[in-house]
Amino acid sequence: MSIRHGLLALLERGQMYGYQLRAAFEESTGSTWPLNIGQVYTTLSRLERDGLVRSLPESEAGQRPYEITDAGRTDLALWFATPISRTDRPRDELAIKLALALTTPGVDVRSVVQTQRSATMRTLQELTRLKYASDRPEDLPWRLVLDAMVFQAEAEVRWLDHCETSLVRYRPTGPGRAPTTPAEAVNQTDEEARR
């Protein structure tokens, strides 16, 4: 998630100070991704340094509001117009964990898959419960975030099912080791096909 662009989008609504930005961000995302106030102010400093926002004089209460600049609007418009690439997202820790579990001696990979499936199913149930907790029109941004999380959890369950099916057919080459080269993997597949 781009905190930078999230803050720019919120400032496009009007001037806000740090705590207002944090509250508006959490309201828009249903508190799905809580922001640390330090992240907000660090990001605001960078945005100001880059000329995308400007700070305004402090209010009588000692709060310093910020507003978006024309350069910030241009940057925000470009962000909205540019698709998010899968390579822009963080590494998939679960995929890495299962790949390493498969090649680490003594690890019961099926147990790792089952434990993850149980956790993902609990998460999916909770997300679904939250999704139907409110149907007010002003909750649409939050429900869209929840929908994305539900779809991701459903996809993870399908992928875990696929992993489990693949494990049934998996035969390590050599004593407890996975293929180390594409050629070994092809030879393993050819050997299995001949059986």
C-alpha atoms as a PDB file:
ATOM      1  CA  MET A   1       0.000   0.000   0.000  1.00  0.00           C
ATOM      2  CA  SER A   2       1.299   3.412  -0.935  1.00  0.00           C
ATOM      3  CA  ILE A   3       0.894   5.568   2.150  1.00  0.00           C
ATOM      4  CA  ARG A   4       2.267   8.425   0.075  1.00  0.00           C
ATOM      5  CA  HIS A   5      -0.544   8.251  -2.460  1.00  0.00           C
ATOM      6  CA  GLY A   6      -3.130   7.493   0.193  1.00  0.00           C
ATOM      7  CA  LEU A   7      -2.254  10.745   1.958  1.00  0.00           C
ATOM      8  CA  LEU A   8      -2.268  12.665  -1.326  1.00  0.00           C
ATOM      9  CA  ALA A   9      -5.744  11.303  -2.116  1.00  0.00           C
ATOM     10  CA  LEU A  10      -6.994  12.378   1.303  1.00  0.00           C
ATOM     11  CA  LEU A  11      -5.477  15.845   0.931  1.00  0.00           C
ATOM     12  CA  GLU A  12      -7.265  16.166  -2.410  1.00  0.00           C
ATOM     13  CA  ARG A  13     -10.454  16.330  -0.276  1.00  0.00           C
ATOM     14  CA  GLY A  14      -9.091  19.369   1.560  1.00  0.00           C
ATOM     15  CA  GLN A  15      -6.534  20.571   4.103  1.00  0.00           C
ATOM     16  CA  MET A  16      -5.825  18.187   6.995  1.00  0.00           C
ATOM     17  CA  TYR A  17      -3.282  17.748   9.736  1.00  0.00           C
ATOM     18  CA  GLY A  18      -1.585  14.460  10.641  1.00  0.00           C
ATOM     19  CA  TYR A  19      -4.130  12.994  13.058  1.00  0.00           C
ATOM     20  CA  GLN A  20      -6.987  13.878  10.698  1.00  0.00           C
ATOM     21  CA  LEU A  21      -5.152  12.131   7.868  1.00  0.00           C
ATOM     22  CA  ARG A  22      -4.595   9.022   9.962  1.00  0.00           C
ATOM     23  CA  ALA A  23      -8.254   8.911  11.027  1.00  0.00           C
ATOM     24  CA  ALA A  24      -9.503   9.488   7.452  1.00  0.00           C
ATOM     25  CA  PHE A  25      -7.173   6.792   6.087  1.00  0.00           C
ATOM     26  CA  GLU A  26      -8.344   4.259   8.663  1.00  0.00           C
ATOM     27  CA  GLU A  27     -11.982   5.207   8.073  1.00  0.00           C
ATOM     28  CA  SER A  28     -11.580   4.773   4.306  1.00  0.00           C
ATOM     29  CA  THR A  29     -10.003   1.336   4.701  1.00  0.00           C
ATOM     30  CA  GLY A  30     -12.136   0.179   7.624  1.00  0.00           C
ATOM     31  CA  SER A  31      -9.019   0.163   9.842  1.00  0.00           C
ATOM     32  CA  THR A  32      -7.769  -2.774   7.772  1.00  0.00           C
ATOM     33  CA  TRP A  33      -4.329  -1.184   7.511  1.00  0.00           C
ATOM     34  CA  PRO A  34      -3.840   0.917  10.630  1.00  0.00           C
ATOM     35  CA  LEU A  35      -1.301   3.693  10.250  1.00  0.00           C
ATOM     36  CA  ASN A  36       1.221   4.660  12.868  1.00  0.00           C
ATOM     37  CA  ILE A  37       1.120   8.426  13.364  1.00  0.00           C
ATOM     38  CA  GLY A  38       4.898   8.440  12.919  1.00  0.00           C
ATOM     39  CA  GLN A  39       4.418   6.989   9.410  1.00  0.00           C
ATOM     40  CA  VAL A  40       1.987   9.786   8.618  1.00  0.00           C
ATOM     41  CA  TYR A  41       4.346  12.572   9.679  1.00  0.00           C
ATOM     42  CA  THR A  42       7.403  10.953   8.069  1.00  0.00           C
ATOM     43  CA  THR A  43       5.482  10.605   4.814  1.00  0.00           C
ATOM     44  CA  LEU A  44       4.217  14.187   5.030  1.00  0.00           C
ATOM     45  CA  SER A  45       7.808  15.400   5.478  1.00  0.00           C
ATOM     46  CA  ARG A  46       8.891  13.521   2.364  1.00  0.00           C
ATOM     47  CA  LEU A  47       5.902  14.756   0.381  1.00  0.00           C
ATOM     48  CA  GLU A  48       6.713  18.324   1.417  1.00  0.00           C
ATOM     49  CA  ARG A  49      10.390  17.835   0.538  1.00  0.00           C
ATOM     50  CA  ASP A  50       9.333  16.551  -2.917  1.00  0.00           C
ATOM     51  CA  GLY A  51       6.998  19.522  -3.459  1.00  0.00           C
ATOM     52  CA  LEU A  52       3.822  17.401  -3.486  1.00  0.00           C
ATOM     53  CA  VAL A  53       2.281  18.983  -0.384  1.00  0.00           C
ATOM     54  CA  ARG A  54       2.868  22.188   1.530  1.00  0.00           C
ATOM     55  CA  SER A  55       2.461  22.845   5.209  1.00  0.00           C
ATOM     56  CA  LEU A  56       0.298  25.725   6.308  1.00  0.00           C
ATOM     57  CA  PRO A  57       0.584  27.894   9.412  1.00  0.00           C
ATOM     58  CA  GLU A  58      -0.266  26.205  12.700  1.00  0.00           C
ATOM     59  CA  SER A  59      -3.787  26.561  14.033  1.00  0.00           C
ATOM     60  CA  GLU A  60      -4.485  28.093  17.452  1.00  0.00           C
ATOM     61  CA  ALA A  61      -4.525  24.520  18.811  1.00  0.00           C
ATOM     62  CA  GLY A  62      -0.961  24.016  17.549  1.00  0.00           C
ATOM     63  CA  GLN A  63      -1.898  21.707  14.677  1.00  0.00           C
ATOM     64  CA  ARG A  64      -0.161  22.152  11.335  1.00  0.00           C
ATOM     65  CA  PRO A  65      -2.442  21.399   8.371  1.00  0.00           C
ATOM     66  CA  TYR A  66      -1.144  20.346   4.972  1.00  0.00           C
ATOM     67  CA  GLU A  67      -2.521  20.838   1.491  1.00  0.00           C
ATOM     68  CA  ILE A  68      -1.791  19.135  -1.808  1.00  0.00           C
ATOM     69  CA  THR A  69       0.106  21.078  -4.484  1.00  0.00           C
ATOM     70  CA  ASP A  70      -0.396  21.000  -8.252  1.00  0.00           C
ATOM     71  CA  ALA A  71       2.612  18.673  -8.500  1.00  0.00           C
ATOM     72  CA  GLY A  72       0.946  16.456  -5.895  1.00  0.00           C
ATOM     73  CA  ARG A  73      -2.268  16.369  -7.941  1.00  0.00           C
ATOM     74  CA  THR A  74      -0.294  15.370 -11.022  1.00  0.00           C
ATOM     75  CA  ASP A  75       1.506  12.611  -9.101  1.00  0.00           C
ATOM     76  CA  LEU A  76      -1.812  11.383  -7.658  1.00  0.00           C
ATOM     77  CA  ALA A  77      -3.498  11.360 -11.083  1.00  0.00           C
ATOM     78  CA  LEU A  78      -0.595   9.343 -12.498  1.00  0.00           C
ATOM     79  CA  TRP A  79      -0.877   6.858  -9.611  1.00  0.00           C
ATOM     80  CA  PHE A  80      -4.599   6.377 -10.215  1.00  0.00           C
ATOM     81  CA  ALA A  81      -3.982   5.958 -13.973  1.00  0.00           C
ATOM     82  CA  THR A  82      -1.155   3.404 -13.588  1.00  0.00           C
ATOM     83  CA  PRO A  83      -2.015  -0.261 -12.941  1.00  0.00           C
ATOM     84  CA  ILE A  84      -0.387  -1.961  -9.965  1.00  0.00           C
ATOM     85  CA  SER A  85       2.120  -4.575 -11.089  1.00  0.00           C
ATOM     86  CA  ARG A  86       2.453  -7.901  -9.298  1.00  0.00           C
ATOM     87  CA  THR A  87       6.200  -7.193  -9.133  1.00  0.00           C
ATOM     88  CA  ASP A  88       5.469  -4.012  -7.139  1.00  0.00           C
ATOM     89  CA  ARG A  89       4.030  -6.038  -4.278  1.00  0.00           C
ATOM     90  CA  PRO A  90       6.017  -7.535  -1.444  1.00  0.00           C
ATOM     91  CA  ARG A  91       7.309 -11.092  -1.641  1.00  0.00           C
ATOM     92  CA  ASP A  92       4.756 -13.799  -0.990  1.00  0.00           C
ATOM     93  CA  GLU A  93       5.974 -15.133   2.346  1.00  0.00           C
ATOM     94  CA  LEU A  94       3.645 -18.131   2.227  1.00  0.00           C
ATOM     95  CA  ALA A  95       4.942 -19.295  -1.164  1.00  0.00           C
ATOM     96  CA  ILE A  96       8.520 -18.918   0.058  1.00  0.00           C
ATOM     97  CA  LYS A  97       7.688 -20.759   3.296  1.00  0.00           C
ATOM     98  CA  LEU A  98       6.169 -23.729   1.436  1.00  0.00           C
ATOM     99  CA  ALA A  99       9.032 -23.885  -1.062  1.00  0.00           C
ATOM    100  CA  LEU A 100      11.524 -23.988   1.799  1.00  0.00           C
ATOM    101  CA  ALA A 101       9.423 -26.470   3.793  1.00  0.00           C
ATOM    102  CA  LEU A 102       9.445 -28.786   0.787  1.00  0.00           C
ATOM    103  CA  THR A 103      13.233 -28.825   0.659  1.00  0.00           C
ATOM    104  CA  THR A 104      14.005 -28.745   4.396  1.00  0.00           C
ATOM    105  CA  PRO A 105      14.584 -32.165   5.971  1.00  0.00           C
ATOM    106  CA  GLY A 106      12.207 -33.103   8.767  1.00  0.00           C
ATOM    107  CA  VAL A 107       9.439 -30.636   7.880  1.00  0.00           C
ATOM    108  CA  ASP A 108       5.947 -32.099   7.399  1.00  0.00           C
ATOM    109  CA  VAL A 109       4.848 -29.989   4.436  1.00  0.00           C
ATOM    110  CA  ARG A 110       1.294 -31.347   4.521  1.00  0.00           C
ATOM    111  CA  SER A 111       1.002 -30.167   8.120  1.00  0.00           C
ATOM    112  CA  VAL A 112       2.285 -26.712   7.122  1.00  0.00           C
ATOM    113  CA  VAL A 113      -0.356 -26.567   4.357  1.00  0.00           C
ATOM    114  CA  GLN A 114      -3.146 -27.732   6.699  1.00  0.00           C
ATOM    115  CA  THR A 115      -2.172 -25.255   9.427  1.00  0.00           C
ATOM    116  CA  GLN A 116      -2.185 -22.419   6.904  1.00  0.00           C
ATOM    117  CA  ARG A 117      -5.499 -23.549   5.400  1.00  0.00           C
ATOM    118  CA  SER A 118      -7.135 -23.563   8.863  1.00  0.00           C
ATOM    119  CA  ALA A 119      -5.820 -20.066   9.608  1.00  0.00           C
ATOM    120  CA  THR A 120      -6.902 -18.751   6.199  1.00  0.00           C
ATOM    121  CA  MET A 121     -10.381 -20.251   6.595  1.00  0.00           C
ATOM    122  CA  ARG A 122     -10.764 -18.546   9.995  1.00  0.00           C
ATOM    123  CA  THR A 123      -9.670 -15.262   8.431  1.00  0.00           C
ATOM    124  CA  LEU A 124     -12.090 -15.758   5.538  1.00  0.00           C
ATOM    125  CA  GLN A 125     -14.981 -16.370   7.952  1.00  0.00           C
ATOM    126  CA  GLU A 126     -14.124 -13.242   9.953  1.00  0.00           C
ATOM    127  CA  LEU A 127     -13.800 -11.095   6.815  1.00  0.00           C
ATOM    128  CA  THR A 128     -17.126 -12.382   5.520  1.00  0.00           C
ATOM    129  CA  ARG A 129     -18.770 -11.595   8.875  1.00  0.00           C
ATOM    130  CA  LEU A 130     -17.356  -8.049   8.774  1.00  0.00           C
ATOM    131  CA  LYS A 131     -18.474  -7.594   5.185  1.00  0.00           C
ATOM    132  CA  TYR A 132     -22.114  -8.196   6.045  1.00  0.00           C
ATOM    133  CA  ALA A 133     -22.044  -6.190   9.280  1.00  0.00           C
ATOM    134  CA  SER A 134     -23.026  -2.971   7.501  1.00  0.00           C
ATOM    135  CA  ASP A 135     -24.530  -2.010   4.181  1.00  0.00           C
ATOM    136  CA  ARG A 136     -24.621   1.772   4.561  1.00  0.00           C
ATOM    137  CA  PRO A 137     -23.642   3.608   1.350  1.00  0.00           C
ATOM    138  CA  GLU A 138     -20.837   5.471   3.159  1.00  0.00           C
ATOM    139  CA  ASP A 139     -19.238   2.095   4.025  1.00  0.00           C
ATOM    140  CA  LEU A 140     -18.587   1.243   0.348  1.00  0.00           C
ATOM    141  CA  PRO A 141     -14.824   2.080   0.428  1.00  0.00           C
ATOM    142  CA  TRP A 142     -14.392  -0.179   3.463  1.00  0.00           C
ATOM    143  CA  ARG A 143     -16.485  -2.980   1.895  1.00  0.00           C
ATOM    144  CA  LEU A 144     -14.405  -2.838  -1.292  1.00  0.00           C
ATOM    145  CA  VAL A 145     -11.234  -3.306   0.780  1.00  0.00           C
ATOM    146  CA  LEU A 146     -12.895  -6.209   2.590  1.00  0.00           C
ATOM    147  CA  ASP A 147     -13.963  -7.725  -0.751  1.00  0.00           C
ATOM    148  CA  ALA A 148     -10.353  -7.626  -1.946  1.00  0.00           C
ATOM    149  CA  MET A 149      -9.228  -9.367   1.227  1.00  0.00           C
ATOM    150  CA  VAL A 150     -11.992 -11.992   0.903  1.00  0.00           C
ATOM    151  CA  PHE A 151     -11.007 -12.716  -2.700  1.00  0.00           C
ATOM    152  CA  GLN A 152      -7.334 -12.966  -1.717  1.00  0.00           C
ATOM    153  CA  ALA A 153      -8.170 -15.399   1.086  1.00  0.00           C
ATOM    154  CA  GLU A 154     -10.332 -17.481  -1.265  1.00  0.00           C
ATOM    155  CA  ALA A 155      -7.514 -17.554  -3.809  1.00  0.00           C
ATOM    156  CA  GLU A 156      -5.071 -18.617  -1.079  1.00  0.00           C
ATOM    157  CA  VAL A 157      -7.344 -21.526  -0.101  1.00  0.00           C
ATOM    158  CA  ARG A 158      -7.539 -22.611  -3.764  1.00  0.00           C
ATOM    159  CA  TRP A 159      -3.753 -22.373  -4.069  1.00  0.00           C
ATOM    160  CA  LEU A 160      -3.299 -24.412  -0.873  1.00  0.00           C
ATOM    161  CA  ASP A 161      -5.635 -27.058  -2.340  1.00  0.00           C
ATOM    162  CA  HIS A 162      -3.450 -27.078  -5.449  1.00  0.00           C
ATOM    163  CA  CYS A 163      -0.327 -27.430  -3.284  1.00  0.00           C
ATOM    164  CA  GLU A 164      -1.844 -30.363  -1.449  1.00  0.00           C
ATOM    165  CA  THR A 165      -2.741 -32.091  -4.727  1.00  0.00           C
ATOM    166  CA  SER A 166       0.780 -31.469  -6.017  1.00  0.00           C
ATOM    167  CA  LEU A 167       2.259 -32.950  -2.839  1.00  0.00           C
ATOM    168  CA  VAL A 168       0.358 -36.194  -3.437  1.00  0.00           C
ATOM    169  CA  ARG A 169       2.165 -36.573  -6.791  1.00  0.00           C
ATOM    170  CA  TYR A 170       5.513 -35.241  -5.557  1.00  0.00           C
ATOM    171  CA  ARG A 171       8.466 -37.637  -5.547  1.00  0.00           C
ATOM    172  CA  PRO A 172      11.770 -36.149  -4.438  1.00  0.00           C
ATOM    173  CA  THR A 173      14.766 -37.056  -6.580  1.00  0.00           C
ATOM    174  CA  GLY A 174      17.331 -38.715  -4.381  1.00  0.00           C
ATOM    175  CA  PRO A 175      17.042 -39.184  -0.645  1.00  0.00           C
ATOM    176  CA  GLY A 176      14.734 -36.391   0.545  1.00  0.00           C
ATOM    177  CA  ARG A 177      15.748 -33.779  -1.978  1.00  0.00           C
ATOM    178  CA  ALA A 178      13.879 -31.780  -4.547  1.00  0.00           C
ATOM    179  CA  PRO A 179      15.054 -31.255  -8.129  1.00  0.00           C
ATOM    180  CA  THR A 180      17.781 -28.637  -8.148  1.00  0.00           C
ATOM    181  CA  THR A 181      17.732 -27.827 -11.846  1.00  0.00           C
ATOM    182  CA  PRO A 182      15.002 -27.501 -14.468  1.00  0.00           C
ATOM    183  CA  ALA A 183      16.477 -30.554 -16.231  1.00  0.00           C
ATOM    184  CA  GLU A 184      16.106 -32.658 -13.077  1.00  0.00           C
ATOM    185  CA  ALA A 185      12.524 -31.475 -12.709  1.00  0.00           C
ATOM    186  CA  VAL A 186      11.768 -32.436 -16.342  1.00  0.00           C
ATOM    187  CA  ASN A 187      13.478 -35.832 -15.875  1.00  0.00           C
ATOM    188  CA  GLN A 188      11.431 -36.399 -12.713  1.00  0.00           C
ATOM    189  CA  THR A 189       8.222 -35.552 -14.558  1.00  0.00           C
ATOM    190  CA  ASP A 190       9.195 -37.826 -17.506  1.00  0.00           C
ATOM    191  CA  GLU A 191      10.040 -40.649 -15.102  1.00  0.00           C
ATOM    192  CA  GLU A 192       6.700 -40.266 -13.322  1.00  0.00           C
ATOM    193  CA  ALA A 193       4.862 -40.253 -16.654  1.00  0.00           C
ATOM    194  CA  ARG A 194       6.510 -43.568 -17.653  1.00  0.00           C
ATOM    195  CA  ARG A 195       5.364 -45.267 -14.430  1.00  0.00           C
END
